[in-house]
Amino acid sequence: MKIYSYDCIVIGTGAAGYNAAARLKQFGVNVAIVTEGVNCGTSRNTGSDKQTYYKLGLGGDFPDSVYKMAQNLFDGGSVDGDNALCEAALSSRCFLNLCELGVEFPVNRYGEYVGYKTDHDPYARATSAGPLTSKFMTEALQKKVESLDIDIFDGYYVAKILKNEGKVAGLLTIKDGEVCAFRCPDVVMATGGPAGIYADSVYPLSHTGSSGLAILAGAKMQNLSLWQYGLASVNPRWNVSGTYMQVLPRLVSIDEDGVEHDFLWDYFEDKYFGLTLVFLKGYQWPFDPKKAEKGSSLIDMIVYKECVDKKRKVYLDFTKNPFEIDFTKLSDEAYDYLNKAGATFGLPIDRLAKMNTPAIELYKNKGVDLTKEYLEIALSAQHNNGGVAVDMWWQTSVRGLFAVGECAGTHGISRPGGSALNAGQVGSLRAAQYISQYPNKMVDEDKFSEIISKEDLNLCYNESDKIKAAQRRMSDYAAAVRDIDKIKETLCVTLEELKVAKDIKLKDVLATQGAVLTAMANATGDPKKVQEVVLTENGFEVIVRDVRPLPQDDDFFENIWRSYRENKNIF
């Protein structure tokens, strides 16, 4: 068996993973990257009509500060204050690093990074490099990593985190059927969200996530019940937010006998009220339980019922109006918007061409012609606000294991749009700072050989049918629409399957589902609490703790300067 030795291994080649590796190298750490596929992952393969990056305000005359941003992040509920303060304090440094690496965030003629408001954002902190912001970030950071001659092991699937005396000792991986190991005392997980646990998902097919690695290594998870769901196309996987809904497409379902149904009007006596809710889905995209009875998320609920309860497929049809529309009968908000956009005419496809031609081209480039074809949609998982529990340096409860990017659980009940991209850059910088200052000791070769000798090296991952069945269960019973009895039933089935699973990818999916279902079955909903889940010898255990408060340090410069010279204030 091949064994490689490094001071630190980064798992994953998204924006957070590349940044972690680059920072570690700059801080003098002998680091390498291990990835299932360099071109896989959500950062590189996803986007939206205007993908947002959330940062501290760097333009205009509105009063902003690190503490105000930290408070806004903290106010999302079930958020740890030290993480929120770090994400605010390092926001500008991380954002400007991306700018220097070539990500073209727009400035005005004076050089101000002019922002706009996003959801859960009281200030205009949001910015964007266009529909593919995270892709541009990933590409820029990849170039930086390549310029630093950091070793990248492409095509290596990480099967297990190896431990010695409760601390990280290395990794067990498989490539082309061959098992190999990495001896390393520190590991940075940058594996993205748990994309592989749902059938209906906006995550790209090339990204499945590896949260099970941390779970099976005994790391605490937190806030796993907190997800973002929304309407998305099934193939290709893409959010149907923004103008896709604001142009008022026809929603149609097709049953198992091939019969079409204009189903929306089975649920609304007032068609214009229903049509207004379709419009509002454009910028109220995430499913919100508060809007599920009389608000825009009622559309999500109806689509779910058609898909899951009635076993139909649901489509957006841009080639026909839902009915002959008198736009003045829409809500004032919807009518004013469409009127100002000059889009109170024609068919949905005509309005889309008027308001956002690139939105048509985007799907055409992915093989769907919206001028002729229906677009299949479903209520899909998009982002997990929870993840691996981390401290203020993004280290997990397992010494030597760090989690950055979406796999880290630093978000809570709600968060500003685009804050995940900021968190990924900040968390990866924080982890690199700590590892460089306090490197763990590598186990010697003999001890590492002893650790490996105790492992089952007959690794396989090909039970795709069982994975698909498990994913379907989650989407049907444990997504945006949840029934506690169904969740408990699904949890029992999942845990029984986990006991006998041999396939390493299946084990990862089932372990992650088990943790998520446990969190859902015991959810508190208290914004002042954080719910943790950990896998022990006795199964999954739930711990509910208070959020860590926002730090209230009254820093005096000379004191900070003195301690910075001693240890760079990394402790």
Protein backbone atom coordinates (compact mmCIF):
# COMPACT_ATOMS: atom_id res chain seq x y z
CA MET A 1 0.00 0.00 0.00
CA LYS A 2 1.20 3.50 -0.85
CA ILE A 3 1.51 5.82 2.13
CA TYR A 4 2.05 9.56 1.75
CA SER A 5 3.07 11.87 4.58
CA TYR A 6 2.19 15.56 4.95
CA ASP A 7 1.77 18.00 7.82
CA CYS A 8 -1.81 18.63 6.74
CA ILE A 9 -4.29 17.31 4.17
CA VAL A 10 -7.14 19.39 2.78
CA ILE A 11 -10.08 17.32 1.51
CA GLY A 12 -11.92 19.04 -1.32
CA THR A 13 -11.31 21.43 -4.20
CA GLY A 14 -14.02 24.03 -3.82
CA ALA A 15 -13.47 27.67 -2.93
CA ALA A 16 -12.96 26.92 0.78
CA GLY A 17 -10.63 23.97 0.17
CA TYR A 18 -8.38 25.80 -2.26
CA ASN A 19 -8.20 28.81 0.06
CA ALA A 20 -7.28 26.60 3.02
CA ALA A 21 -4.46 24.99 1.05
CA ALA A 22 -3.12 28.29 -0.26
CA ARG A 23 -3.16 29.89 3.19
CA LEU A 24 -1.49 26.86 4.81
CA LYS A 25 1.29 26.91 2.23
CA GLN A 26 1.79 30.65 2.73
CA PHE A 27 2.07 30.03 6.49
CA GLY A 28 4.81 27.42 5.96
CA VAL A 29 2.81 24.20 6.34
CA ASN A 30 3.63 21.16 4.17
CA VAL A 31 0.13 20.65 2.76
CA ALA A 32 -1.51 18.60 0.02
CA ILE A 33 -5.05 18.37 -1.35
CA VAL A 34 -6.98 15.12 -1.72
CA THR A 35 -10.12 15.22 -3.84
CA GLU A 36 -12.61 12.84 -5.41
CA GLY A 37 -12.63 15.09 -8.46
CA VAL A 38 -11.01 18.49 -9.06
CA ASN A 39 -13.87 19.57 -11.30
CA CYS A 40 -16.64 18.30 -9.03
CA GLY A 41 -18.24 20.18 -6.17
CA THR A 42 -20.85 22.86 -5.67
CA SER A 43 -18.58 25.92 -5.75
CA ARG A 44 -17.52 25.21 -9.32
CA ASN A 45 -20.78 23.86 -10.69
CA THR A 46 -23.59 26.01 -9.35
CA GLY A 47 -24.94 29.54 -9.51
CA SER A 48 -28.11 31.59 -9.74
CA ASP A 49 -29.48 34.52 -11.68
CA LYS A 50 -27.21 36.76 -9.52
CA GLN A 51 -25.07 34.75 -7.11
CA THR A 52 -24.43 36.82 -4.01
CA TYR A 53 -21.29 37.30 -1.90
CA TYR A 54 -22.01 38.85 1.51
CA LYS A 55 -19.32 41.04 3.06
CA LEU A 56 -18.75 44.09 5.23
CA GLY A 57 -19.89 47.29 3.53
CA LEU A 58 -17.10 48.84 1.42
CA GLY A 59 -18.99 51.64 -0.32
CA GLY A 60 -21.54 54.36 0.20
CA ASP A 61 -22.22 56.46 3.29
CA PHE A 62 -24.23 54.04 5.44
CA PRO A 63 -22.61 53.36 8.83
CA ASP A 64 -21.32 49.78 8.99
CA SER A 65 -18.94 48.05 11.37
CA VAL A 66 -17.52 44.64 12.16
CA TYR A 67 -19.69 44.38 15.24
CA LYS A 68 -22.87 45.36 13.40
CA MET A 69 -22.26 42.66 10.81
CA ALA A 70 -21.49 40.14 13.55
CA GLN A 71 -24.71 41.07 15.32
CA ASN A 72 -26.72 40.57 12.11
CA LEU A 73 -25.20 37.12 11.61
CA PHE A 74 -25.77 36.25 15.28
CA ASP A 75 -29.40 37.40 15.09
CA GLY A 76 -30.10 34.60 12.60
CA GLY A 77 -30.70 32.40 15.64
CA SER A 78 -28.82 29.31 16.90
CA VAL A 79 -25.55 30.96 15.81
CA ASP A 80 -22.39 30.98 17.95
CA GLY A 81 -21.22 34.53 18.59
CA ASP A 82 -17.49 33.90 18.25
CA ASN A 83 -17.95 32.42 14.77
CA ALA A 84 -20.19 35.35 13.80
CA LEU A 85 -17.59 37.88 14.97
CA CYS A 86 -14.79 36.09 13.10
CA GLU A 87 -16.86 36.00 9.90
CA ALA A 88 -17.44 39.74 10.19
CA ALA A 89 -13.92 40.71 11.29
CA LEU A 90 -12.16 38.85 8.46
CA SER A 91 -14.78 39.61 5.84
CA SER A 92 -12.91 42.51 4.21
CA ARG A 93 -9.54 40.71 4.24
CA CYS A 94 -10.98 37.62 2.56
CA PHE A 95 -13.08 39.56 0.06
CA LEU A 96 -10.18 41.78 -1.03
CA ASN A 97 -7.97 38.70 -1.37
CA LEU A 98 -10.44 37.38 -3.96
CA CYS A 99 -10.40 40.72 -5.74
CA GLU A 100 -6.59 40.66 -5.89
CA LEU A 101 -6.72 37.11 -7.26
CA GLY A 102 -8.83 38.34 -10.17
CA VAL A 103 -12.48 37.80 -9.20
CA GLU A 104 -14.20 40.76 -10.84
CA PHE A 105 -16.59 42.17 -8.29
CA PRO A 106 -17.87 45.47 -9.72
CA VAL A 107 -16.75 48.89 -8.48
CA ASN A 108 -17.93 52.38 -9.38
CA ARG A 109 -15.61 54.89 -11.04
CA TYR A 110 -14.19 55.86 -7.63
CA GLY A 111 -13.38 52.28 -6.67
CA GLU A 112 -16.22 51.69 -4.20
CA TYR A 113 -17.63 48.17 -3.97
CA VAL A 114 -21.25 49.26 -4.29
CA GLY A 115 -23.61 46.75 -2.70
CA TYR A 116 -27.26 45.80 -2.68
CA LYS A 117 -29.62 44.38 -0.09
CA THR A 118 -30.15 40.64 0.08
CA ASP A 119 -32.45 38.57 2.30
CA HIS A 120 -31.92 39.00 6.08
CA ASP A 121 -29.65 41.97 5.33
CA PRO A 122 -30.43 45.37 6.95
CA TYR A 123 -27.57 46.98 5.03
CA ALA A 124 -26.51 46.86 1.38
CA ARG A 125 -23.59 44.51 2.02
CA ALA A 126 -24.22 42.09 -0.84
CA THR A 127 -22.21 42.05 -4.05
CA SER A 128 -21.93 39.70 -7.01
CA ALA A 129 -19.63 38.80 -9.88
CA GLY A 130 -22.65 37.52 -11.80
CA PRO A 131 -24.47 34.18 -12.01
CA LEU A 132 -21.26 32.20 -11.46
CA THR A 133 -19.61 34.03 -8.57
CA SER A 134 -18.51 30.89 -6.71
CA LYS A 135 -17.16 29.35 -9.93
CA PHE A 136 -14.99 32.41 -10.53
CA MET A 137 -13.80 32.25 -6.92
CA THR A 138 -12.88 28.59 -7.26
CA GLU A 139 -11.00 29.13 -10.51
CA ALA A 140 -9.04 32.08 -9.10
CA LEU A 141 -8.10 30.18 -5.95
CA GLN A 142 -7.14 27.11 -7.99
CA LYS A 143 -4.68 29.24 -9.99
CA LYS A 144 -3.20 30.48 -6.72
CA VAL A 145 -2.78 26.92 -5.43
CA GLU A 146 -1.17 25.81 -8.69
CA SER A 147 1.25 28.74 -8.52
CA LEU A 148 2.33 27.54 -5.07
CA ASP A 149 3.11 24.00 -6.36
CA ILE A 150 0.83 22.33 -3.84
CA ASP A 151 0.40 18.58 -4.48
CA ILE A 152 -3.12 17.64 -5.57
CA PHE A 153 -4.23 14.00 -5.42
CA ASP A 154 -7.12 13.91 -7.89
CA GLY A 155 -9.54 10.97 -8.03
CA TYR A 156 -8.95 9.85 -4.44
CA TYR A 157 -12.11 9.10 -2.44
CA VAL A 158 -11.55 9.48 1.30
CA ALA A 159 -13.06 6.44 2.99
CA LYS A 160 -12.15 7.08 6.62
CA ILE A 161 -10.43 9.46 9.02
CA LEU A 162 -7.86 7.46 10.99
CA LYS A 163 -7.37 8.32 14.66
CA ASN A 164 -4.86 7.59 17.40
CA GLU A 165 -5.74 8.27 21.04
CA GLY A 166 -8.73 10.32 19.92
CA LYS A 167 -6.71 12.58 17.61
CA VAL A 168 -6.31 12.64 13.83
CA ALA A 169 -3.60 10.31 12.55
CA GLY A 170 -4.33 10.19 8.82
CA LEU A 171 -6.71 9.21 6.06
CA LEU A 172 -7.66 6.01 4.28
CA THR A 173 -8.49 6.55 0.59
CA ILE A 174 -9.33 4.59 -2.53
CA LYS A 175 -8.45 5.39 -6.15
CA ASP A 176 -9.34 3.14 -9.08
CA GLY A 177 -9.92 0.25 -6.68
CA GLU A 178 -6.54 0.66 -5.01
CA VAL A 179 -6.35 1.59 -1.32
CA CYS A 180 -3.74 4.08 -0.16
CA ALA A 181 -3.20 6.08 3.02
CA PHE A 182 -2.09 9.54 4.06
CA ARG A 183 -0.20 10.04 7.30
CA CYS A 184 -1.01 13.49 8.64
CA PRO A 185 -1.74 15.00 12.08
CA ASP A 186 -4.12 17.68 10.79
CA VAL A 187 -6.98 17.44 8.31
CA VAL A 188 -9.15 20.22 6.89
CA MET A 189 -12.49 18.97 5.63
CA ALA A 190 -13.77 21.18 2.81
CA THR A 191 -16.21 18.63 1.43
CA GLY A 192 -19.25 20.88 1.03
CA GLY A 193 -22.77 20.24 2.25
CA PRO A 194 -24.35 16.78 2.58
CA ALA A 195 -25.61 16.88 -1.00
CA GLY A 196 -26.03 13.14 -1.39
CA ILE A 197 -28.77 12.55 1.18
CA TYR A 198 -31.70 13.86 -0.91
CA ALA A 199 -33.17 12.76 -4.24
CA ASP A 200 -34.69 16.18 -4.95
CA SER A 201 -31.69 18.45 -4.73
CA VAL A 202 -30.24 21.57 -6.33
CA TYR A 203 -26.72 20.41 -5.55
CA PRO A 204 -24.89 19.46 -8.76
CA LEU A 205 -24.84 15.74 -9.50
CA SER A 206 -21.04 15.83 -9.35
CA HIS A 207 -21.19 16.74 -5.66
CA THR A 208 -22.35 14.27 -3.02
CA GLY A 209 -20.62 15.57 0.10
CA SER A 210 -18.75 13.58 2.75
CA SER A 211 -20.20 14.72 6.07
CA GLY A 212 -20.31 11.07 7.11
CA LEU A 213 -16.52 11.17 7.46
CA ALA A 214 -16.80 13.51 10.43
CA ILE A 215 -19.83 11.72 11.88
CA LEU A 216 -18.18 8.29 11.78
CA ALA A 217 -15.00 9.81 13.26
CA GLY A 218 -17.04 10.85 16.30
CA ALA A 219 -17.16 14.59 15.61
CA LYS A 220 -20.11 16.56 16.96
CA MET A 221 -22.56 17.93 14.42
CA GLN A 222 -24.87 20.89 14.97
CA ASN A 223 -28.04 22.49 13.60
CA LEU A 224 -28.52 19.62 11.14
CA SER A 225 -32.28 20.14 11.00
CA LEU A 226 -31.83 23.63 9.53
CA TRP A 227 -31.96 23.53 5.73
CA GLN A 228 -32.85 25.76 2.82
CA TYR A 229 -35.27 24.25 0.31
CA GLY A 230 -36.81 25.76 -2.79
CA LEU A 231 -38.18 25.11 -6.25
CA ALA A 232 -35.56 23.95 -8.72
CA SER A 233 -35.37 22.26 -12.09
CA VAL A 234 -34.69 18.53 -11.97
CA ASN A 235 -32.47 18.32 -15.06
CA PRO A 236 -30.38 20.39 -15.06
CA ARG A 237 -30.31 21.11 -11.35
CA TRP A 238 -30.81 24.86 -11.03
CA ASN A 239 -32.82 27.22 -8.84
CA VAL A 240 -35.90 28.59 -10.61
CA SER A 241 -35.71 31.86 -8.70
CA GLY A 242 -35.81 35.48 -9.81
CA THR A 243 -37.27 36.17 -13.23
CA TYR A 244 -38.07 32.51 -13.87
CA MET A 245 -41.05 32.93 -11.53
CA GLN A 246 -41.65 36.67 -11.91
CA VAL A 247 -42.64 36.23 -15.57
CA LEU A 248 -45.62 34.13 -14.37
CA PRO A 249 -45.09 30.78 -16.13
CA ARG A 250 -47.87 28.19 -16.29
CA LEU A 251 -47.48 25.39 -13.74
CA VAL A 252 -48.65 22.03 -15.06
CA SER A 253 -48.47 18.50 -13.67
CA ILE A 254 -48.57 15.22 -15.58
CA ASP A 255 -49.92 12.07 -13.91
CA GLU A 256 -48.82 8.47 -14.39
CA ASP A 257 -51.26 8.09 -17.31
CA GLY A 258 -49.75 11.07 -19.12
CA VAL A 259 -52.72 13.38 -18.44
CA GLU A 260 -51.93 17.08 -17.95
CA HIS A 261 -53.41 19.06 -15.06
CA ASP A 262 -53.53 22.84 -14.58
CA PHE A 263 -53.36 21.98 -10.91
CA LEU A 264 -52.72 25.40 -9.39
CA TRP A 265 -56.32 26.48 -9.72
CA ASP A 266 -57.51 23.49 -7.69
CA TYR A 267 -56.02 25.30 -4.70
CA PHE A 268 -57.05 28.93 -5.33
CA GLU A 269 -60.50 30.45 -5.72
CA ASP A 270 -58.86 33.77 -6.60
CA LYS A 271 -56.58 33.06 -9.55
CA TYR A 272 -54.85 36.43 -9.29
CA PHE A 273 -53.95 35.77 -5.67
CA GLY A 274 -52.36 32.48 -6.75
CA LEU A 275 -50.57 34.16 -9.64
CA THR A 276 -49.24 36.85 -7.32
CA LEU A 277 -47.76 34.13 -5.09
CA VAL A 278 -46.03 32.65 -8.16
CA PHE A 279 -44.52 36.09 -8.81
CA LEU A 280 -43.36 36.43 -5.20
CA LYS A 281 -41.51 33.09 -5.38
CA GLY A 282 -39.03 34.97 -7.58
CA TYR A 283 -37.42 36.79 -4.68
CA GLN A 284 -38.85 34.81 -1.79
CA TRP A 285 -37.24 31.67 -3.17
CA PRO A 286 -36.33 29.67 -0.03
CA PHE A 287 -39.17 27.72 1.53
CA ASP A 288 -40.33 29.57 4.66
CA PRO A 289 -42.85 27.93 7.04
CA LYS A 290 -44.11 31.41 7.95
CA LYS A 291 -45.22 31.86 4.34
CA ALA A 292 -46.65 28.35 3.91
CA GLU A 293 -50.32 29.07 4.67
CA LYS A 294 -51.07 32.34 2.91
CA GLY A 295 -47.71 33.41 1.50
CA SER A 296 -45.45 32.48 -1.39
CA SER A 297 -44.30 29.19 0.17
CA LEU A 298 -47.83 27.90 -0.37
CA ILE A 299 -46.64 27.35 -3.96
CA ASP A 300 -43.86 25.10 -2.61
CA MET A 301 -46.38 23.11 -0.59
CA ILE A 302 -48.66 22.64 -3.60
CA VAL A 303 -45.80 21.44 -5.81
CA TYR A 304 -44.76 19.01 -3.07
CA LYS A 305 -48.31 17.59 -2.85
CA GLU A 306 -48.46 17.08 -6.61
CA CYS A 307 -45.08 15.33 -6.67
CA VAL A 308 -45.18 13.26 -3.49
CA ASP A 309 -48.85 12.74 -2.62
CA LYS A 310 -50.24 12.48 -6.15
CA LYS A 311 -47.11 10.94 -7.75
CA ARG A 312 -47.15 13.44 -10.61
CA LYS A 313 -44.35 15.30 -12.33
CA VAL A 314 -44.56 19.10 -12.20
CA TYR A 315 -43.35 21.46 -14.90
CA LEU A 316 -42.98 25.15 -15.69
CA ASP A 317 -44.40 26.01 -19.11
CA PHE A 318 -43.09 29.29 -20.52
CA THR A 319 -44.90 28.84 -23.85
CA LYS A 320 -48.41 29.53 -22.55
CA ASN A 321 -50.01 31.92 -20.08
CA PRO A 322 -51.77 30.32 -17.09
CA PHE A 323 -54.90 32.07 -18.38
CA GLU A 324 -55.64 35.36 -20.15
CA ILE A 325 -53.96 37.76 -17.73
CA ASP A 326 -55.18 41.22 -16.79
CA PHE A 327 -51.96 42.40 -15.15
CA THR A 328 -53.72 45.21 -13.28
CA LYS A 329 -55.50 42.55 -11.18
CA LEU A 330 -52.22 41.31 -9.71
CA SER A 331 -51.07 42.72 -6.37
CA ASP A 332 -49.71 46.27 -6.53
CA GLU A 333 -46.21 44.92 -5.85
CA ALA A 334 -46.33 42.44 -8.73
CA TYR A 335 -48.00 44.81 -11.19
CA ASP A 336 -45.67 47.73 -10.43
CA TYR A 337 -42.60 45.53 -10.87
CA LEU A 338 -43.71 44.04 -14.18
CA ASN A 339 -44.98 47.38 -15.45
CA LYS A 340 -41.66 49.12 -14.69
CA ALA A 341 -39.86 46.24 -16.41
CA GLY A 342 -42.03 46.70 -19.50
CA ALA A 343 -43.20 43.10 -19.18
CA THR A 344 -47.01 43.31 -19.05
CA PHE A 345 -47.47 41.65 -22.42
CA GLY A 346 -47.23 38.42 -24.37
CA LEU A 347 -46.33 34.95 -23.16
CA PRO A 348 -44.06 34.04 -20.22
CA ILE A 349 -41.20 33.37 -22.64
CA ASP A 350 -41.67 36.83 -24.17
CA ARG A 351 -41.55 38.43 -20.74
CA LEU A 352 -38.46 36.39 -19.83
CA ALA A 353 -36.72 37.50 -23.03
CA LYS A 354 -37.55 41.11 -22.18
CA MET A 355 -36.41 40.96 -18.56
CA ASN A 356 -33.54 38.45 -18.56
CA THR A 357 -32.43 36.98 -21.90
CA PRO A 358 -29.39 35.23 -20.32
CA ALA A 359 -31.85 33.17 -18.25
CA ILE A 360 -33.11 31.56 -21.47
CA GLU A 361 -29.59 31.07 -22.79
CA LEU A 362 -28.49 29.44 -19.53
CA TYR A 363 -30.96 26.58 -19.96
CA LYS A 364 -30.35 26.37 -23.70
CA ASN A 365 -26.65 25.83 -23.00
CA LYS A 366 -27.65 23.02 -20.65
CA GLY A 367 -29.85 21.32 -23.25
CA VAL A 368 -33.31 22.73 -22.47
CA ASP A 369 -35.04 25.12 -24.90
CA LEU A 370 -37.56 27.06 -22.82
CA THR A 371 -39.13 28.46 -26.00
CA LYS A 372 -40.36 24.95 -26.84
CA GLU A 373 -40.00 22.62 -23.85
CA TYR A 374 -41.50 22.16 -20.41
CA LEU A 375 -39.07 22.45 -17.49
CA GLU A 376 -39.52 19.81 -14.78
CA ILE A 377 -39.27 21.16 -11.22
CA ALA A 378 -39.41 19.85 -7.64
CA LEU A 379 -39.13 21.21 -4.11
CA SER A 380 -35.43 20.59 -3.58
CA ALA A 381 -32.70 20.77 -0.95
CA GLN A 382 -30.30 23.61 -1.61
CA HIS A 383 -28.16 24.33 1.46
CA ASN A 384 -27.62 22.98 4.97
CA ASN A 385 -27.20 25.78 7.50
CA GLY A 386 -25.90 23.23 9.98
CA GLY A 387 -22.95 20.88 9.70
CA VAL A 388 -19.88 19.85 11.67
CA ALA A 389 -19.66 21.72 14.99
CA VAL A 390 -16.55 23.93 15.14
CA ASP A 391 -14.90 26.32 17.57
CA MET A 392 -13.70 29.86 16.78
CA TRP A 393 -10.75 28.39 14.83
CA TRP A 394 -12.99 26.01 12.90
CA GLN A 395 -11.58 22.97 14.72
CA THR A 396 -14.09 20.19 15.43
CA SER A 397 -14.51 18.20 18.64
CA VAL A 398 -11.90 15.77 17.25
CA ARG A 399 -8.43 17.24 17.76
CA GLY A 400 -6.67 17.83 14.46
CA LEU A 401 -9.88 17.77 12.40
CA PHE A 402 -11.08 21.08 11.00
CA ALA A 403 -14.20 21.76 8.93
CA VAL A 404 -14.57 24.73 6.57
CA GLY A 405 -17.07 25.84 3.94
CA GLU A 406 -20.59 24.44 3.88
CA CYS A 407 -19.64 21.28 5.78
CA ALA A 408 -19.04 23.48 8.84
CA GLY A 409 -22.16 24.23 10.87
CA THR A 410 -21.65 27.94 11.57
CA HIS A 411 -25.05 29.11 10.31
CA GLY A 412 -28.34 28.95 12.17
CA ILE A 413 -32.05 29.33 11.59
CA SER A 414 -31.61 32.07 9.00
CA ARG A 415 -28.68 33.88 7.42
CA PRO A 416 -28.09 36.69 4.93
CA GLY A 417 -27.94 35.55 1.31
CA GLY A 418 -24.34 35.04 0.22
CA SER A 419 -22.98 34.71 3.76
CA ALA A 420 -21.95 31.10 3.09
CA LEU A 421 -19.34 32.24 0.55
CA ASN A 422 -17.88 34.66 3.10
CA ALA A 423 -17.93 32.00 5.83
CA GLY A 424 -16.04 29.55 3.62
CA GLN A 425 -13.21 32.01 3.03
CA VAL A 426 -13.02 33.14 6.65
CA GLY A 427 -13.20 29.64 8.12
CA SER A 428 -10.46 28.30 5.86
CA LEU A 429 -8.19 31.22 6.80
CA ARG A 430 -8.87 30.70 10.52
CA ALA A 431 -8.13 26.97 10.31
CA ALA A 432 -4.87 27.63 8.46
CA GLN A 433 -3.80 30.21 11.05
CA TYR A 434 -4.37 27.80 13.93
CA ILE A 435 -2.73 24.79 12.27
CA SER A 436 0.37 26.82 11.41
CA GLN A 437 0.65 28.10 14.99
CA TYR A 438 -0.18 24.84 16.79
CA PRO A 439 0.66 21.88 14.52
CA ASN A 440 -0.17 18.47 15.92
CA LYS A 441 2.52 15.81 16.16
CA MET A 442 2.59 13.18 13.42
CA VAL A 443 2.47 9.53 14.53
CA ASP A 444 5.60 7.58 13.64
CA GLU A 445 5.65 5.13 10.74
CA ASP A 446 5.45 2.01 12.89
CA LYS A 447 2.45 3.28 14.80
CA PHE A 448 0.73 4.31 11.59
CA SER A 449 1.29 0.84 10.12
CA GLU A 450 -0.25 -0.63 13.27
CA ILE A 451 -3.31 1.63 12.89
CA ILE A 452 -3.78 0.58 9.27
CA SER A 453 -3.40 -3.11 10.12
CA LYS A 454 -6.58 -2.90 12.19
CA GLU A 455 -8.66 -1.54 9.29
CA ASP A 456 -10.82 -3.47 6.82
CA LEU A 457 -9.15 -2.67 3.51
CA ASN A 458 -11.76 -4.38 1.32
CA LEU A 459 -13.33 -1.08 0.32
CA CYS A 460 -16.13 -0.92 -2.23
CA TYR A 461 -18.58 1.72 -3.41
CA ASN A 462 -21.09 0.58 -6.01
CA GLU A 463 -24.48 0.10 -4.29
CA SER A 464 -26.12 2.98 -6.17
CA ASP A 465 -29.64 1.48 -6.06
CA LYS A 466 -29.64 1.42 -2.25
CA ILE A 467 -28.37 5.00 -2.17
CA LYS A 468 -31.15 6.13 -4.52
CA ALA A 469 -33.80 4.45 -2.36
CA ALA A 470 -32.42 6.14 0.76
CA GLN A 471 -32.35 9.52 -0.99
CA ARG A 472 -35.97 9.12 -2.11
CA ARG A 473 -37.08 8.42 1.47
CA MET A 474 -35.47 11.62 2.69
CA SER A 475 -37.03 13.83 0.02
CA ASP A 476 -40.48 12.34 0.60
CA TYR A 477 -40.56 12.40 4.40
CA ALA A 478 -37.78 14.62 5.78
CA ALA A 479 -37.39 17.72 3.64
CA ALA A 480 -39.31 21.01 3.66
CA VAL A 481 -42.55 19.19 4.59
CA ARG A 482 -42.00 17.10 7.72
CA ASP A 483 -44.16 14.71 9.70
CA ILE A 484 -42.63 13.66 13.02
CA ASP A 485 -44.00 10.09 12.82
CA LYS A 486 -42.65 9.63 9.28
CA ILE A 487 -39.31 11.06 10.36
CA LYS A 488 -39.06 8.57 13.23
CA GLU A 489 -40.04 5.67 10.93
CA THR A 490 -37.44 6.77 8.36
CA LEU A 491 -34.81 7.07 11.10
CA CYS A 492 -35.43 3.48 12.24
CA VAL A 493 -35.09 2.15 8.69
CA THR A 494 -31.96 4.22 8.11
CA LEU A 495 -30.22 3.04 11.28
CA GLU A 496 -30.99 -0.62 10.50
CA GLU A 497 -29.49 -0.22 7.03
CA LEU A 498 -26.44 1.57 8.46
CA LYS A 499 -25.70 -1.41 10.74
CA VAL A 500 -25.19 -3.76 7.77
CA ALA A 501 -23.87 -1.32 5.14
CA LYS A 502 -20.51 -2.27 3.59
CA ASP A 503 -20.38 0.16 0.68
CA ILE A 504 -18.39 3.22 1.81
CA LYS A 505 -20.53 5.76 -0.06
CA LEU A 506 -23.71 4.14 1.19
CA LYS A 507 -22.35 4.26 4.75
CA ASP A 508 -21.58 7.95 4.35
CA VAL A 509 -25.10 8.71 3.08
CA LEU A 510 -26.82 6.61 5.77
CA ALA A 511 -24.68 7.99 8.61
CA THR A 512 -25.43 11.54 7.49
CA GLN A 513 -29.13 10.80 7.09
CA GLY A 514 -29.16 9.21 10.53
CA ALA A 515 -27.66 12.33 12.10
CA VAL A 516 -30.00 14.67 10.19
CA LEU A 517 -33.10 12.60 11.04
CA THR A 518 -32.07 12.46 14.70
CA ALA A 519 -31.76 16.24 14.67
CA MET A 520 -35.17 16.64 13.02
CA ALA A 521 -36.85 14.25 15.45
CA ASN A 522 -35.50 16.28 18.39
CA ALA A 523 -35.54 19.81 16.94
CA THR A 524 -36.03 22.62 19.46
CA GLY A 525 -36.51 25.68 17.26
CA ASP A 526 -35.13 27.84 20.08
CA PRO A 527 -32.91 30.59 18.57
CA LYS A 528 -30.92 30.83 21.82
CA LYS A 529 -29.95 27.16 21.67
CA VAL A 530 -27.72 25.01 19.48
CA GLN A 531 -28.64 21.37 18.98
CA GLU A 532 -25.70 18.98 18.68
CA VAL A 533 -25.77 15.37 17.48
CA VAL A 534 -22.91 12.92 17.99
CA LEU A 535 -22.51 9.24 17.09
CA THR A 536 -21.39 7.16 20.08
CA GLU A 537 -21.09 3.44 20.76
CA ASN A 538 -24.73 3.60 21.87
CA GLY A 539 -25.97 5.32 18.72
CA PHE A 540 -26.80 8.95 18.04
CA GLU A 541 -27.02 11.22 21.07
CA VAL A 542 -28.53 14.71 21.19
CA ILE A 543 -27.09 17.58 23.22
CA VAL A 544 -28.81 20.97 23.48
CA ARG A 545 -26.62 23.85 24.66
CA ASP A 546 -26.75 27.63 24.82
CA VAL A 547 -25.31 29.55 21.90
CA ARG A 548 -21.85 30.96 22.56
CA PRO A 549 -22.43 34.72 23.03
CA LEU A 550 -20.97 37.51 20.95
CA PRO A 551 -17.58 38.36 22.52
CA GLN A 552 -17.57 41.75 24.26
CA ASP A 553 -13.83 42.46 24.46
CA ASP A 554 -12.90 46.05 25.34
CA ASP A 555 -9.61 45.87 23.44
CA PHE A 556 -6.83 48.36 24.22
CA PHE A 557 -4.39 48.71 21.32
CA GLU A 558 -1.11 48.45 23.28
CA ASN A 559 -2.30 45.24 24.95
CA ILE A 560 -3.35 43.72 21.63
CA TRP A 561 -0.06 44.77 20.03
CA ARG A 562 1.98 43.15 22.81
CA SER A 563 0.11 39.83 22.70
CA TYR A 564 0.15 39.85 18.90
CA ARG A 565 3.95 40.00 18.94
CA GLU A 566 3.96 36.99 21.25
CA ASN A 567 1.54 34.62 19.50
CA LYS A 568 -0.28 36.64 16.80
CA ASN A 569 -3.32 36.37 19.10
CA ILE A 570 -3.91 32.83 17.90
CA PHE A 571 -5.06 30.91 20.98
